[in-house]
Amino acid sequence: METKGFFGGFYSLLEWISRLAFLNLLWISFAIIGLGIFGFFPATLALFAVARKWMLGNDDVSIFKTFWTTYKREFVKGNLLGLLITAISLVLYIDFQFVLHATNQFVSMLFVPLCFVTLIFVAMVFYIIPMYVHYDMKIKQVVKSSFFVMIMNPLSTFYLLIGSFGIVFALSFAPPISILYSGNLLALFIMKPAMNAFEKVDRKSKLLLQEQ
């Protein structure tokens, strides 16, 4: 019995390792199929959609079917969301370059506030994608709601930031592993605390409505 239990657990471990690898290969492949620029965000949304299914306990969900369905459905809208995120990132980058190379002392003093704004934006991005695949919302609603979720869950936000950068830092020492395990690990790591934060906010919203 113990031997069967051992081999059963070992088989389950190998199965999950292969599932994760397959999901990551799908993510990379469909990002490339979309010419990188147009494929990255739809592929990332599809990646998180599969991770969400797993977090909800749907372990036997078809990885390819879920990924492909989400990728097709969200290709245009996903790229619009990606365009918004990229545009804001570009503006922040230009602002940083301007402040760093400024000779005016007053402009140089804007460095700290700019870092604060950038940190808020990065934290929001960690909620934007999970929220997009978890709820049926318009892009404007997703961005707005992600800000409030971030503010209401400071510990979860800190955990997401530190943990995600830790995963990226660890993977930087073994680039070949990133082909099989990178986006998938980040999606799983981000999705669970993000969903917990959503549930927390939903409960608070229901309580407020009941009190009214």
C-alpha atoms as a PDB file:
ATOM      1  CA  MET A   1       0.000   0.000   0.000  1.00  0.00           C
ATOM      2  CA  GLU A   2       2.817   2.380   0.900  1.00  0.00           C
ATOM      3  CA  THR A   3       4.581   1.559  -2.378  1.00  0.00           C
ATOM      4  CA  LYS A   4       1.426   2.269  -4.379  1.00  0.00           C
ATOM      5  CA  GLY A   5       0.952   5.511  -2.488  1.00  0.00           C
ATOM      6  CA  PHE A   6       4.532   6.539  -3.203  1.00  0.00           C
ATOM      7  CA  PHE A   7       4.312   5.766  -6.906  1.00  0.00           C
ATOM      8  CA  GLY A   8       0.881   7.397  -7.105  1.00  0.00           C
ATOM      9  CA  GLY A   9       2.234  10.595  -5.588  1.00  0.00           C
ATOM     10  CA  PHE A  10       5.323  10.474  -7.800  1.00  0.00           C
ATOM     11  CA  TYR A  11       3.142  10.017 -10.896  1.00  0.00           C
ATOM     12  CA  SER A  12       0.966  12.983  -9.864  1.00  0.00           C
ATOM     13  CA  LEU A  13       4.086  15.101  -9.408  1.00  0.00           C
ATOM     14  CA  LEU A  14       5.388  14.200 -12.870  1.00  0.00           C
ATOM     15  CA  GLU A  15       1.967  14.890 -14.352  1.00  0.00           C
ATOM     16  CA  TRP A  16       1.873  18.389 -12.857  1.00  0.00           C
ATOM     17  CA  ILE A  17       5.452  19.077 -13.952  1.00  0.00           C
ATOM     18  CA  SER A  18       4.515  18.137 -17.529  1.00  0.00           C
ATOM     19  CA  ARG A  19       1.300  20.193 -17.372  1.00  0.00           C
ATOM     20  CA  LEU A  20       3.192  23.268 -16.217  1.00  0.00           C
ATOM     21  CA  ALA A  21       5.817  22.799 -18.923  1.00  0.00           C
ATOM     22  CA  PHE A  22       3.134  22.388 -21.609  1.00  0.00           C
ATOM     23  CA  LEU A  23       1.353  25.547 -20.433  1.00  0.00           C
ATOM     24  CA  ASN A  24       4.561  27.566 -20.532  1.00  0.00           C
ATOM     25  CA  LEU A  25       5.378  26.311 -24.026  1.00  0.00           C
ATOM     26  CA  LEU A  26       1.884  27.337 -25.151  1.00  0.00           C
ATOM     27  CA  TRP A  27       2.418  30.790 -23.660  1.00  0.00           C
ATOM     28  CA  ILE A  28       5.743  31.285 -25.459  1.00  0.00           C
ATOM     29  CA  SER A  29       4.522  29.753 -28.736  1.00  0.00           C
ATOM     30  CA  PHE A  30       1.334  31.810 -28.998  1.00  0.00           C
ATOM     31  CA  ALA A  31       3.205  34.982 -28.046  1.00  0.00           C
ATOM     32  CA  ILE A  32       5.532  34.287 -30.989  1.00  0.00           C
ATOM     33  CA  ILE A  33       2.630  33.361 -33.300  1.00  0.00           C
ATOM     34  CA  GLY A  34       1.133  36.782 -32.554  1.00  0.00           C
ATOM     35  CA  LEU A  35       4.424  38.351 -33.671  1.00  0.00           C
ATOM     36  CA  GLY A  36       5.461  38.944 -30.071  1.00  0.00           C
ATOM     37  CA  ILE A  37       4.015  42.435 -29.847  1.00  0.00           C
ATOM     38  CA  PHE A  38       0.446  41.375 -30.619  1.00  0.00           C
ATOM     39  CA  GLY A  39       0.650  37.906 -29.114  1.00  0.00           C
ATOM     40  CA  PHE A  40       2.168  38.546 -25.700  1.00  0.00           C
ATOM     41  CA  PHE A  41      -0.833  39.991 -23.868  1.00  0.00           C
ATOM     42  CA  PRO A  42      -3.488  37.618 -25.299  1.00  0.00           C
ATOM     43  CA  ALA A  43      -1.158  34.701 -24.515  1.00  0.00           C
ATOM     44  CA  THR A  44      -0.606  36.015 -20.995  1.00  0.00           C
ATOM     45  CA  LEU A  45      -4.355  36.359 -20.424  1.00  0.00           C
ATOM     46  CA  ALA A  46      -4.806  32.780 -21.663  1.00  0.00           C
ATOM     47  CA  LEU A  47      -2.021  31.656 -19.316  1.00  0.00           C
ATOM     48  CA  PHE A  48      -3.753  33.250 -16.337  1.00  0.00           C
ATOM     49  CA  ALA A  49      -7.121  31.841 -17.437  1.00  0.00           C
ATOM     50  CA  VAL A  50      -5.722  28.304 -17.137  1.00  0.00           C
ATOM     51  CA  ALA A  51      -4.096  29.161 -13.794  1.00  0.00           C
ATOM     52  CA  ARG A  52      -7.456  30.484 -12.569  1.00  0.00           C
ATOM     53  CA  LYS A  53      -9.160  27.214 -13.504  1.00  0.00           C
ATOM     54  CA  TRP A  54      -6.576  25.316 -11.487  1.00  0.00           C
ATOM     55  CA  MET A  55      -6.975  27.656  -8.511  1.00  0.00           C
ATOM     56  CA  LEU A  56     -10.735  26.984  -8.591  1.00  0.00           C
ATOM     57  CA  GLY A  57     -10.074  23.253  -8.348  1.00  0.00           C
ATOM     58  CA  ASN A  58     -10.629  22.339 -12.013  1.00  0.00           C
ATOM     59  CA  ASP A  59      -7.482  20.225 -12.238  1.00  0.00           C
ATOM     60  CA  ASP A  60      -8.721  18.166 -15.181  1.00  0.00           C
ATOM     61  CA  VAL A  61      -9.525  21.150 -17.407  1.00  0.00           C
ATOM     62  CA  SER A  62      -8.232  20.907 -20.981  1.00  0.00           C
ATOM     63  CA  ILE A  63      -5.148  23.133 -20.995  1.00  0.00           C
ATOM     64  CA  PHE A  64      -5.004  23.639 -24.755  1.00  0.00           C
ATOM     65  CA  LYS A  65      -8.746  24.190 -25.191  1.00  0.00           C
ATOM     66  CA  THR A  66      -8.922  26.742 -22.348  1.00  0.00           C
ATOM     67  CA  PHE A  67      -5.782  28.495 -23.565  1.00  0.00           C
ATOM     68  CA  TRP A  68      -6.813  28.600 -27.228  1.00  0.00           C
ATOM     69  CA  THR A  69     -10.391  29.716 -26.482  1.00  0.00           C
ATOM     70  CA  THR A  70      -9.198  32.579 -24.268  1.00  0.00           C
ATOM     71  CA  TYR A  71      -6.468  33.563 -26.721  1.00  0.00           C
ATOM     72  CA  LYS A  72      -8.923  33.872 -29.623  1.00  0.00           C
ATOM     73  CA  ARG A  73     -11.669  35.581 -27.602  1.00  0.00           C
ATOM     74  CA  GLU A  74      -9.406  38.127 -25.953  1.00  0.00           C
ATOM     75  CA  PHE A  75      -6.974  38.807 -28.812  1.00  0.00           C
ATOM     76  CA  VAL A  76      -8.278  42.282 -29.673  1.00  0.00           C
ATOM     77  CA  LYS A  77      -9.340  43.367 -26.186  1.00  0.00           C
ATOM     78  CA  GLY A  78      -6.185  41.876 -24.692  1.00  0.00           C
ATOM     79  CA  ASN A  79      -4.044  43.907 -27.064  1.00  0.00           C
ATOM     80  CA  LEU A  80      -5.949  47.062 -26.136  1.00  0.00           C
ATOM     81  CA  LEU A  81      -5.210  46.353 -22.476  1.00  0.00           C
ATOM     82  CA  GLY A  82      -1.593  45.648 -23.382  1.00  0.00           C
ATOM     83  CA  LEU A  83      -1.391  48.893 -25.347  1.00  0.00           C
ATOM     84  CA  LEU A  84      -2.625  50.824 -22.313  1.00  0.00           C
ATOM     85  CA  ILE A  85      -0.113  49.150 -19.973  1.00  0.00           C
ATOM     86  CA  THR A  86       2.718  49.646 -22.479  1.00  0.00           C
ATOM     87  CA  ALA A  87       1.815  53.307 -23.049  1.00  0.00           C
ATOM     88  CA  ILE A  88       1.806  54.085 -19.315  1.00  0.00           C
ATOM     89  CA  SER A  89       5.087  52.198 -18.883  1.00  0.00           C
ATOM     90  CA  LEU A  90       6.639  54.193 -21.718  1.00  0.00           C
ATOM     91  CA  VAL A  91       5.473  57.500 -20.225  1.00  0.00           C
ATOM     92  CA  LEU A  92       6.949  56.562 -16.844  1.00  0.00           C
ATOM     93  CA  TYR A  93      10.228  55.538 -18.494  1.00  0.00           C
ATOM     94  CA  ILE A  94      10.460  58.861 -20.374  1.00  0.00           C
ATOM     95  CA  ASP A  95       9.670  60.726 -17.137  1.00  0.00           C
ATOM     96  CA  PHE A  96      12.462  58.858 -15.339  1.00  0.00           C
ATOM     97  CA  GLN A  97      14.938  59.693 -18.073  1.00  0.00           C
ATOM     98  CA  PHE A  98      13.909  63.342 -17.950  1.00  0.00           C
ATOM     99  CA  VAL A  99      14.235  63.548 -14.158  1.00  0.00           C
ATOM    100  CA  LEU A 100      17.540  61.659 -14.028  1.00  0.00           C
ATOM    101  CA  HIS A 101      19.159  63.909 -16.611  1.00  0.00           C
ATOM    102  CA  ALA A 102      17.611  67.162 -15.399  1.00  0.00           C
ATOM    103  CA  THR A 103      19.924  69.934 -14.255  1.00  0.00           C
ATOM    104  CA  ASN A 104      17.135  71.797 -12.519  1.00  0.00           C
ATOM    105  CA  GLN A 105      17.087  70.975  -8.795  1.00  0.00           C
ATOM    106  CA  PHE A 106      13.297  71.248  -8.568  1.00  0.00           C
ATOM    107  CA  VAL A 107      12.846  68.691 -11.354  1.00  0.00           C
ATOM    108  CA  SER A 108      15.339  66.352  -9.643  1.00  0.00           C
ATOM    109  CA  MET A 109      13.178  66.439  -6.517  1.00  0.00           C
ATOM    110  CA  LEU A 110      10.425  64.705  -8.491  1.00  0.00           C
ATOM    111  CA  PHE A 111      12.443  61.452  -8.483  1.00  0.00           C
ATOM    112  CA  VAL A 112      10.958  60.114  -5.212  1.00  0.00           C
ATOM    113  CA  PRO A 113       7.308  60.915  -6.107  1.00  0.00           C
ATOM    114  CA  LEU A 114       7.882  59.350  -9.533  1.00  0.00           C
ATOM    115  CA  CYS A 115       9.230  56.172  -7.883  1.00  0.00           C
ATOM    116  CA  PHE A 116       6.116  56.067  -5.714  1.00  0.00           C
ATOM    117  CA  VAL A 117       3.799  56.438  -8.718  1.00  0.00           C
ATOM    118  CA  THR A 118       5.724  53.721 -10.587  1.00  0.00           C
ATOM    119  CA  LEU A 119       5.460  51.353  -7.620  1.00  0.00           C
ATOM    120  CA  ILE A 120       1.695  51.893  -7.490  1.00  0.00           C
ATOM    121  CA  PHE A 121       1.417  51.233 -11.227  1.00  0.00           C
ATOM    122  CA  VAL A 122       3.478  48.022 -11.006  1.00  0.00           C
ATOM    123  CA  ALA A 123       1.370  46.833  -8.066  1.00  0.00           C
ATOM    124  CA  MET A 124      -1.805  47.535 -10.050  1.00  0.00           C
ATOM    125  CA  VAL A 125      -0.547  45.458 -12.987  1.00  0.00           C
ATOM    126  CA  PHE A 126      -0.242  42.467 -10.647  1.00  0.00           C
ATOM    127  CA  TYR A 127      -4.003  42.718 -10.096  1.00  0.00           C
ATOM    128  CA  ILE A 128      -5.112  43.901 -13.545  1.00  0.00           C
ATOM    129  CA  ILE A 129      -4.481  40.644 -15.411  1.00  0.00           C
ATOM    130  CA  PRO A 130      -5.908  38.300 -12.720  1.00  0.00           C
ATOM    131  CA  MET A 131      -8.944  40.589 -12.404  1.00  0.00           C
ATOM    132  CA  TYR A 132      -9.411  40.652 -16.170  1.00  0.00           C
ATOM    133  CA  VAL A 133      -9.665  36.842 -16.380  1.00  0.00           C
ATOM    134  CA  HIS A 134     -11.645  36.495 -13.139  1.00  0.00           C
ATOM    135  CA  TYR A 135     -14.413  39.028 -13.825  1.00  0.00           C
ATOM    136  CA  ASP A 136     -16.394  40.088 -16.872  1.00  0.00           C
ATOM    137  CA  MET A 137     -15.450  43.766 -16.896  1.00  0.00           C
ATOM    138  CA  LYS A 138     -14.542  46.490 -19.335  1.00  0.00           C
ATOM    139  CA  ILE A 139     -10.905  47.581 -19.428  1.00  0.00           C
ATOM    140  CA  LYS A 140     -11.695  50.868 -17.676  1.00  0.00           C
ATOM    141  CA  GLN A 141     -13.467  49.017 -14.857  1.00  0.00           C
ATOM    142  CA  VAL A 142     -10.581  46.547 -14.505  1.00  0.00           C
ATOM    143  CA  VAL A 143      -8.001  49.323 -14.156  1.00  0.00           C
ATOM    144  CA  LYS A 144     -10.135  51.269 -11.700  1.00  0.00           C
ATOM    145  CA  SER A 145     -10.996  48.220  -9.591  1.00  0.00           C
ATOM    146  CA  SER A 146      -7.401  46.975  -9.517  1.00  0.00           C
ATOM    147  CA  PHE A 147      -6.370  50.238  -7.843  1.00  0.00           C
ATOM    148  CA  PHE A 148      -8.919  49.827  -5.057  1.00  0.00           C
ATOM    149  CA  VAL A 149      -8.055  46.145  -4.553  1.00  0.00           C
ATOM    150  CA  MET A 150      -4.378  47.065  -4.283  1.00  0.00           C
ATOM    151  CA  ILE A 151      -5.090  49.789  -1.706  1.00  0.00           C
ATOM    152  CA  MET A 152      -7.355  47.534   0.361  1.00  0.00           C
ATOM    153  CA  ASN A 153      -4.871  44.638   0.435  1.00  0.00           C
ATOM    154  CA  PRO A 154      -1.424  46.058   1.285  1.00  0.00           C
ATOM    155  CA  LEU A 155      -0.040  42.777   2.682  1.00  0.00           C
ATOM    156  CA  SER A 156      -1.120  40.755  -0.359  1.00  0.00           C
ATOM    157  CA  THR A 157       0.315  43.443  -2.628  1.00  0.00           C
ATOM    158  CA  PHE A 158       3.649  43.380  -0.782  1.00  0.00           C
ATOM    159  CA  TYR A 159       3.673  39.583  -0.948  1.00  0.00           C
ATOM    160  CA  LEU A 160       2.999  39.646  -4.695  1.00  0.00           C
ATOM    161  CA  LEU A 161       5.729  42.194  -5.413  1.00  0.00           C
ATOM    162  CA  ILE A 162       8.447  40.547  -3.334  1.00  0.00           C
ATOM    163  CA  GLY A 163       7.557  36.991  -4.337  1.00  0.00           C
ATOM    164  CA  SER A 164       7.300  37.727  -8.065  1.00  0.00           C
ATOM    165  CA  PHE A 165      10.597  39.569  -8.200  1.00  0.00           C
ATOM    166  CA  GLY A 166      12.110  36.716  -6.185  1.00  0.00           C
ATOM    167  CA  ILE A 167      10.949  34.173  -8.793  1.00  0.00           C
ATOM    168  CA  VAL A 168      12.309  36.298 -11.644  1.00  0.00           C
ATOM    169  CA  PHE A 169      15.605  36.746  -9.789  1.00  0.00           C
ATOM    170  CA  ALA A 170      15.932  33.001  -9.167  1.00  0.00           C
ATOM    171  CA  LEU A 171      15.133  32.146 -12.806  1.00  0.00           C
ATOM    172  CA  SER A 172      17.768  34.635 -13.992  1.00  0.00           C
ATOM    173  CA  PHE A 173      20.427  32.191 -12.750  1.00  0.00           C
ATOM    174  CA  ALA A 174      19.060  29.397 -14.963  1.00  0.00           C
ATOM    175  CA  PRO A 175      17.770  30.905 -18.246  1.00  0.00           C
ATOM    176  CA  PRO A 176      17.160  27.516 -19.969  1.00  0.00           C
ATOM    177  CA  ILE A 177      14.657  26.569 -17.252  1.00  0.00           C
ATOM    178  CA  SER A 178      12.641  29.687 -18.147  1.00  0.00           C
ATOM    179  CA  ILE A 179      11.569  27.992 -21.373  1.00  0.00           C
ATOM    180  CA  LEU A 180       9.553  25.447 -19.368  1.00  0.00           C
ATOM    181  CA  TYR A 181       8.979  27.266 -16.085  1.00  0.00           C
ATOM    182  CA  SER A 182       8.658  31.049 -15.960  1.00  0.00           C
ATOM    183  CA  GLY A 183       5.318  32.568 -16.910  1.00  0.00           C
ATOM    184  CA  ASN A 184       3.470  29.539 -15.537  1.00  0.00           C
ATOM    185  CA  LEU A 185       5.110  29.843 -12.104  1.00  0.00           C
ATOM    186  CA  LEU A 186       4.398  33.572 -11.979  1.00  0.00           C
ATOM    187  CA  ALA A 187       0.774  33.046 -13.034  1.00  0.00           C
ATOM    188  CA  LEU A 188       0.189  30.460 -10.307  1.00  0.00           C
ATOM    189  CA  PHE A 189       1.983  32.548  -7.700  1.00  0.00           C
ATOM    190  CA  ILE A 190       0.081  35.739  -8.582  1.00  0.00           C
ATOM    191  CA  MET A 191      -3.367  34.243  -9.197  1.00  0.00           C
ATOM    192  CA  LYS A 192      -3.972  32.693  -5.778  1.00  0.00           C
ATOM    193  CA  PRO A 193      -3.349  35.759  -3.542  1.00  0.00           C
ATOM    194  CA  ALA A 194      -5.061  37.962  -6.143  1.00  0.00           C
ATOM    195  CA  MET A 195      -8.208  35.800  -6.002  1.00  0.00           C
ATOM    196  CA  ASN A 196      -8.087  35.853  -2.203  1.00  0.00           C
ATOM    197  CA  ALA A 197      -7.933  39.652  -2.356  1.00  0.00           C
ATOM    198  CA  PHE A 198     -10.907  39.728  -4.747  1.00  0.00           C
ATOM    199  CA  GLU A 199     -12.953  37.532  -2.401  1.00  0.00           C
ATOM    200  CA  LYS A 200     -12.049  39.767   0.530  1.00  0.00           C
ATOM    201  CA  VAL A 201     -13.206  42.877  -1.337  1.00  0.00           C
ATOM    202  CA  ASP A 202     -16.390  41.101  -2.500  1.00  0.00           C
ATOM    203  CA  ARG A 203     -17.246  40.143   1.091  1.00  0.00           C
ATOM    204  CA  LYS A 204     -16.731  43.720   2.278  1.00  0.00           C
ATOM    205  CA  SER A 205     -18.891  45.025  -0.568  1.00  0.00           C
ATOM    206  CA  LYS A 206     -21.706  42.601   0.321  1.00  0.00           C
ATOM    207  CA  LEU A 207     -21.554  43.611   3.988  1.00  0.00           C
ATOM    208  CA  LEU A 208     -21.781  47.296   3.076  1.00  0.00           C
ATOM    209  CA  LEU A 209     -24.799  46.610   0.861  1.00  0.00           C
ATOM    210  CA  GLN A 210     -26.499  44.659   3.650  1.00  0.00           C
ATOM    211  CA  GLU A 211     -25.903  47.483   6.130  1.00  0.00           C
ATOM    212  CA  GLN A 212     -27.464  49.958   3.724  1.00  0.00           C
END
